[in-house]
Amino acid sequence: MKAADIMTTKVVTIHSLATVAEALALMQDKGVRSLIVEPSNDGDAYGIITETDIVYKITANERDPEEFMVYQIMTKPCIVVNPDLSLVNVARLFAENGIGRAPVIQKQLLGMISLTDVIVKLKVSRQSTSDKVSAKIREALLHSRVIGDPQAQIDRECELAWDVVEELKTQSK
């Protein structure tokens, strides 16, 4: 399995001249933990701004996010993942560089891949196929991850599990 097989294709981007407050608002609005910073020109590299950047560099230092620009706290160039990279190599890349997410780029931005994507997919691919209910629940969870609020994630997982159980009940009648 490759990075392209599990990456998220809906990537939220921001310009480097936006304020950190704008970046934070966009993250909250879209329910994401990071934003890809668009290149300033054709030869420029992509950057990334994460919730960790904001917490460590702005909030912890009691700085006003309205007074800082994205380019002042982002990582650029950021580590990128080739869409053909295997999941094992994605995991190694993340571990060696101490990162939790990276854009998937091949000439252009194709998607985003995170530790969560890798872990969830590894669990799904190694599960026993004998438990049909568990398999259906894991598949549904893989395709409907909620980012941000842990309680919302738990609520969504419970809702999906019941949906799968009800669907299987209907099929067995």
C-alpha atoms as a PDB file:
ATOM      1  CA  MET A   1       0.000   0.000   0.000  1.00  0.00           C
ATOM      2  CA  LYS A   2       1.244   3.493  -0.875  1.00  0.00           C
ATOM      3  CA  ALA A   3       0.796   7.006   0.476  1.00  0.00           C
ATOM      4  CA  ALA A   4      -1.542   7.876  -2.403  1.00  0.00           C
ATOM      5  CA  ASP A   5      -3.877   5.067  -1.318  1.00  0.00           C
ATOM      6  CA  ILE A   6      -4.629   6.569   2.091  1.00  0.00           C
ATOM      7  CA  MET A   7      -3.893  10.292   1.814  1.00  0.00           C
ATOM      8  CA  THR A   8      -6.548  12.912   2.419  1.00  0.00           C
ATOM      9  CA  THR A   9      -7.192  14.739  -0.841  1.00  0.00           C
ATOM     10  CA  LYS A  10      -9.019  17.734   0.583  1.00  0.00           C
ATOM     11  CA  VAL A  11      -6.109  19.827   1.802  1.00  0.00           C
ATOM     12  CA  VAL A  12      -6.618  23.247   3.334  1.00  0.00           C
ATOM     13  CA  THR A  13      -4.065  25.849   2.252  1.00  0.00           C
ATOM     14  CA  ILE A  14      -3.181  29.360   3.358  1.00  0.00           C
ATOM     15  CA  HIS A  15      -0.953  32.176   2.105  1.00  0.00           C
ATOM     16  CA  SER A  16       2.227  32.948   4.023  1.00  0.00           C
ATOM     17  CA  LEU A  17       1.168  36.582   4.512  1.00  0.00           C
ATOM     18  CA  ALA A  18      -1.998  35.649   6.409  1.00  0.00           C
ATOM     19  CA  THR A  19      -1.989  36.315  10.140  1.00  0.00           C
ATOM     20  CA  VAL A  20      -1.642  33.473  12.620  1.00  0.00           C
ATOM     21  CA  ALA A  21      -5.124  34.434  13.856  1.00  0.00           C
ATOM     22  CA  GLU A  22      -6.485  33.827  10.347  1.00  0.00           C
ATOM     23  CA  ALA A  23      -4.694  30.483  10.214  1.00  0.00           C
ATOM     24  CA  LEU A  24      -6.115  29.477  13.591  1.00  0.00           C
ATOM     25  CA  ALA A  25      -9.635  30.489  12.546  1.00  0.00           C
ATOM     26  CA  LEU A  26      -9.289  28.496   9.308  1.00  0.00           C
ATOM     27  CA  MET A  27      -8.072  25.426  11.222  1.00  0.00           C
ATOM     28  CA  GLN A  28     -11.005  25.659  13.599  1.00  0.00           C
ATOM     29  CA  ASP A  29     -13.495  26.238  10.787  1.00  0.00           C
ATOM     30  CA  LYS A  30     -12.243  23.297   8.708  1.00  0.00           C
ATOM     31  CA  GLY A  31     -11.541  21.006  11.679  1.00  0.00           C
ATOM     32  CA  VAL A  32      -7.906  20.409  10.733  1.00  0.00           C
ATOM     33  CA  ARG A  33      -4.677  20.391  12.709  1.00  0.00           C
ATOM     34  CA  SER A  34      -2.453  21.910  10.054  1.00  0.00           C
ATOM     35  CA  LEU A  35      -2.488  24.036   6.939  1.00  0.00           C
ATOM     36  CA  ILE A  36      -0.255  23.823   3.910  1.00  0.00           C
ATOM     37  CA  VAL A  37       1.339  27.165   3.122  1.00  0.00           C
ATOM     38  CA  GLU A  38       1.157  27.932  -0.577  1.00  0.00           C
ATOM     39  CA  PRO A  39       4.382  28.658  -2.459  1.00  0.00           C
ATOM     40  CA  SER A  40       4.938  32.364  -3.140  1.00  0.00           C
ATOM     41  CA  ASN A  41       5.991  31.660  -6.747  1.00  0.00           C
ATOM     42  CA  ASP A  42       6.632  28.775  -9.147  1.00  0.00           C
ATOM     43  CA  GLY A  43      10.115  27.955  -7.849  1.00  0.00           C
ATOM     44  CA  ASP A  44       9.179  28.263  -4.186  1.00  0.00           C
ATOM     45  CA  ALA A  45       8.651  25.367  -1.773  1.00  0.00           C
ATOM     46  CA  TYR A  46       5.521  24.494   0.181  1.00  0.00           C
ATOM     47  CA  GLY A  47       5.418  25.188   3.895  1.00  0.00           C
ATOM     48  CA  ILE A  48       3.293  23.930   6.765  1.00  0.00           C
ATOM     49  CA  ILE A  49       1.813  25.509   9.869  1.00  0.00           C
ATOM     50  CA  THR A  50       0.517  23.208  12.576  1.00  0.00           C
ATOM     51  CA  GLU A  51      -1.441  23.568  15.770  1.00  0.00           C
ATOM     52  CA  THR A  52       1.810  22.752  17.575  1.00  0.00           C
ATOM     53  CA  ASP A  53       3.518  25.744  15.925  1.00  0.00           C
ATOM     54  CA  ILE A  54       0.736  28.023  17.133  1.00  0.00           C
ATOM     55  CA  VAL A  55       0.671  26.664  20.676  1.00  0.00           C
ATOM     56  CA  TYR A  56       4.455  26.586  21.152  1.00  0.00           C
ATOM     57  CA  LYS A  57       5.404  29.793  19.333  1.00  0.00           C
ATOM     58  CA  ILE A  58       2.412  32.042  19.976  1.00  0.00           C
ATOM     59  CA  THR A  59       0.169  30.906  22.831  1.00  0.00           C
ATOM     60  CA  ALA A  60       2.887  29.653  25.209  1.00  0.00           C
ATOM     61  CA  ASN A  61       4.796  32.912  24.776  1.00  0.00           C
ATOM     62  CA  GLU A  62       1.668  35.035  25.324  1.00  0.00           C
ATOM     63  CA  ARG A  63       1.950  36.565  21.861  1.00  0.00           C
ATOM     64  CA  ASP A  64      -0.966  38.047  19.966  1.00  0.00           C
ATOM     65  CA  PRO A  65      -1.805  35.882  16.911  1.00  0.00           C
ATOM     66  CA  GLU A  66      -3.080  39.011  15.145  1.00  0.00           C
ATOM     67  CA  GLU A  67       0.449  40.469  15.228  1.00  0.00           C
ATOM     68  CA  PHE A  68       2.278  37.525  13.664  1.00  0.00           C
ATOM     69  CA  MET A  69       2.208  36.267  10.103  1.00  0.00           C
ATOM     70  CA  VAL A  70       2.113  32.630   9.071  1.00  0.00           C
ATOM     71  CA  TYR A  71       5.575  32.878   7.478  1.00  0.00           C
ATOM     72  CA  GLN A  72       7.071  33.830  10.849  1.00  0.00           C
ATOM     73  CA  ILE A  73       6.205  30.532  12.538  1.00  0.00           C
ATOM     74  CA  MET A  74       5.704  28.006   9.721  1.00  0.00           C
ATOM     75  CA  THR A  75       8.115  25.273   8.708  1.00  0.00           C
ATOM     76  CA  LYS A  76       9.477  25.851   5.221  1.00  0.00           C
ATOM     77  CA  PRO A  77      10.428  23.951   3.269  1.00  0.00           C
ATOM     78  CA  CYS A  78       8.414  21.189   4.824  1.00  0.00           C
ATOM     79  CA  ILE A  79       9.075  17.498   4.500  1.00  0.00           C
ATOM     80  CA  VAL A  80       6.988  16.097   1.673  1.00  0.00           C
ATOM     81  CA  VAL A  81       5.849  12.589   0.813  1.00  0.00           C
ATOM     82  CA  ASN A  82       5.954  11.085  -2.649  1.00  0.00           C
ATOM     83  CA  PRO A  83       2.586   9.476  -3.493  1.00  0.00           C
ATOM     84  CA  ASP A  84       4.356   6.205  -4.396  1.00  0.00           C
ATOM     85  CA  LEU A  85       6.085   5.892  -0.996  1.00  0.00           C
ATOM     86  CA  SER A  86       5.093   2.737   0.915  1.00  0.00           C
ATOM     87  CA  LEU A  87       3.336   3.078   4.284  1.00  0.00           C
ATOM     88  CA  VAL A  88       6.342   1.561   6.036  1.00  0.00           C
ATOM     89  CA  ASN A  89       8.579   4.224   4.518  1.00  0.00           C
ATOM     90  CA  VAL A  90       6.076   6.965   5.365  1.00  0.00           C
ATOM     91  CA  ALA A  91       6.170   5.755   8.978  1.00  0.00           C
ATOM     92  CA  ARG A  92       9.993   5.770   8.938  1.00  0.00           C
ATOM     93  CA  LEU A  93      10.082   9.265   7.451  1.00  0.00           C
ATOM     94  CA  PHE A  94       7.730  10.536  10.156  1.00  0.00           C
ATOM     95  CA  ALA A  95       9.687   8.795  12.927  1.00  0.00           C
ATOM     96  CA  GLU A  96      13.097   9.991  11.727  1.00  0.00           C
ATOM     97  CA  ASN A  97      11.915  13.582  11.453  1.00  0.00           C
ATOM     98  CA  GLY A  98       9.587  13.724  14.450  1.00  0.00           C
ATOM     99  CA  ILE A  99       6.577  14.826  12.415  1.00  0.00           C
ATOM    100  CA  GLY A 100       2.939  13.774  12.450  1.00  0.00           C
ATOM    101  CA  ARG A 101       1.802  14.873   9.025  1.00  0.00           C
ATOM    102  CA  ALA A 102       3.135  15.926   5.645  1.00  0.00           C
ATOM    103  CA  PRO A 103       1.827  17.018   2.268  1.00  0.00           C
ATOM    104  CA  VAL A 104       1.853  14.516  -0.577  1.00  0.00           C
ATOM    105  CA  ILE A 105       3.442  16.228  -3.543  1.00  0.00           C
ATOM    106  CA  GLN A 106       4.457  15.175  -7.024  1.00  0.00           C
ATOM    107  CA  LYS A 107       4.950  18.326  -9.102  1.00  0.00           C
ATOM    108  CA  GLN A 108       1.832  19.685  -7.356  1.00  0.00           C
ATOM    109  CA  LEU A 109       0.002  19.296  -4.063  1.00  0.00           C
ATOM    110  CA  LEU A 110      -1.994  16.043  -4.216  1.00  0.00           C
ATOM    111  CA  GLY A 111      -3.014  15.501  -0.613  1.00  0.00           C
ATOM    112  CA  MET A 112      -1.987  15.177   3.006  1.00  0.00           C
ATOM    113  CA  ILE A 113      -0.989  12.132   5.015  1.00  0.00           C
ATOM    114  CA  SER A 114      -0.871  11.852   8.801  1.00  0.00           C
ATOM    115  CA  LEU A 115       0.153   9.365  11.461  1.00  0.00           C
ATOM    116  CA  THR A 116      -3.543   8.716  12.030  1.00  0.00           C
ATOM    117  CA  ASP A 117      -3.977   7.758   8.368  1.00  0.00           C
ATOM    118  CA  VAL A 118      -1.089   5.297   8.614  1.00  0.00           C
ATOM    119  CA  ILE A 119      -2.207   3.763  11.914  1.00  0.00           C
ATOM    120  CA  VAL A 120      -5.847   3.391  10.891  1.00  0.00           C
ATOM    121  CA  LYS A 121      -4.952   1.834   7.560  1.00  0.00           C
ATOM    122  CA  LEU A 122      -2.432  -0.564   9.091  1.00  0.00           C
ATOM    123  CA  LYS A 123      -5.081  -1.741  11.576  1.00  0.00           C
ATOM    124  CA  VAL A 124      -7.608  -2.243   8.782  1.00  0.00           C
ATOM    125  CA  SER A 125      -5.256  -4.170   6.515  1.00  0.00           C
ATOM    126  CA  ARG A 126      -4.153  -6.544   9.302  1.00  0.00           C
ATOM    127  CA  GLN A 127      -7.549  -7.322  10.825  1.00  0.00           C
ATOM    128  CA  SER A 128      -9.173 -10.690  10.737  1.00  0.00           C
ATOM    129  CA  THR A 129     -11.840 -10.961   8.071  1.00  0.00           C
ATOM    130  CA  SER A 130     -13.780 -13.461  10.171  1.00  0.00           C
ATOM    131  CA  ASP A 131     -15.483 -10.719  12.166  1.00  0.00           C
ATOM    132  CA  LYS A 132     -17.793  -9.098   9.627  1.00  0.00           C
ATOM    133  CA  VAL A 133     -19.207  -6.485  12.023  1.00  0.00           C
ATOM    134  CA  SER A 134     -15.780  -5.268  13.136  1.00  0.00           C
ATOM    135  CA  ALA A 135     -14.588  -5.127   9.538  1.00  0.00           C
ATOM    136  CA  LYS A 136     -17.551  -2.996   8.466  1.00  0.00           C
ATOM    137  CA  ILE A 137     -17.146  -0.668  11.463  1.00  0.00           C
ATOM    138  CA  ARG A 138     -13.426  -0.172  10.831  1.00  0.00           C
ATOM    139  CA  GLU A 139     -14.056   0.524   7.161  1.00  0.00           C
ATOM    140  CA  ALA A 140     -16.714   3.104   8.032  1.00  0.00           C
ATOM    141  CA  LEU A 141     -14.377   4.735  10.573  1.00  0.00           C
ATOM    142  CA  LEU A 142     -11.571   4.934   8.048  1.00  0.00           C
ATOM    143  CA  HIS A 143     -13.737   6.939   5.693  1.00  0.00           C
ATOM    144  CA  SER A 144     -15.290   9.277   8.257  1.00  0.00           C
ATOM    145  CA  ARG A 145     -12.554  10.450  10.611  1.00  0.00           C
ATOM    146  CA  VAL A 146     -13.465  13.478  12.721  1.00  0.00           C
ATOM    147  CA  ILE A 147     -10.514  15.765  13.379  1.00  0.00           C
ATOM    148  CA  GLY A 148     -10.246  17.959  16.440  1.00  0.00           C
ATOM    149  CA  ASP A 149     -12.731  17.197  19.196  1.00  0.00           C
ATOM    150  CA  PRO A 150     -12.009  13.781  20.798  1.00  0.00           C
ATOM    151  CA  GLN A 151     -15.571  13.474  22.129  1.00  0.00           C
ATOM    152  CA  ALA A 152     -16.954  14.168  18.643  1.00  0.00           C
ATOM    153  CA  GLN A 153     -14.692  11.383  17.351  1.00  0.00           C
ATOM    154  CA  ILE A 154     -16.034   8.935  19.952  1.00  0.00           C
ATOM    155  CA  ASP A 155     -19.629   9.981  19.259  1.00  0.00           C
ATOM    156  CA  ARG A 156     -19.109   9.540  15.516  1.00  0.00           C
ATOM    157  CA  GLU A 157     -17.527   6.108  16.015  1.00  0.00           C
ATOM    158  CA  CYS A 158     -20.488   4.959  18.130  1.00  0.00           C
ATOM    159  CA  GLU A 159     -22.939   6.298  15.577  1.00  0.00           C
ATOM    160  CA  LEU A 160     -21.121   4.499  12.744  1.00  0.00           C
ATOM    161  CA  ALA A 161     -20.962   1.250  14.727  1.00  0.00           C
ATOM    162  CA  TRP A 162     -24.730   1.290  15.292  1.00  0.00           C
ATOM    163  CA  ASP A 163     -25.329   2.124  11.622  1.00  0.00           C
ATOM    164  CA  VAL A 164     -23.272  -0.909  10.609  1.00  0.00           C
ATOM    165  CA  VAL A 165     -25.077  -3.176  13.093  1.00  0.00           C
ATOM    166  CA  GLU A 166     -28.462  -1.994  11.806  1.00  0.00           C
ATOM    167  CA  GLU A 167     -27.364  -2.485   8.192  1.00  0.00           C
ATOM    168  CA  LEU A 168     -26.188  -6.024   8.920  1.00  0.00           C
ATOM    169  CA  LYS A 169     -29.449  -6.823  10.743  1.00  0.00           C
ATOM    170  CA  THR A 170     -31.404  -5.670   7.700  1.00  0.00           C
ATOM    171  CA  GLN A 171     -29.235  -7.754   5.344  1.00  0.00           C
ATOM    172  CA  SER A 172     -29.649 -10.922   7.423  1.00  0.00           C
ATOM    173  CA  LYS A 173     -33.484 -10.802   7.295  1.00  0.00           C
END
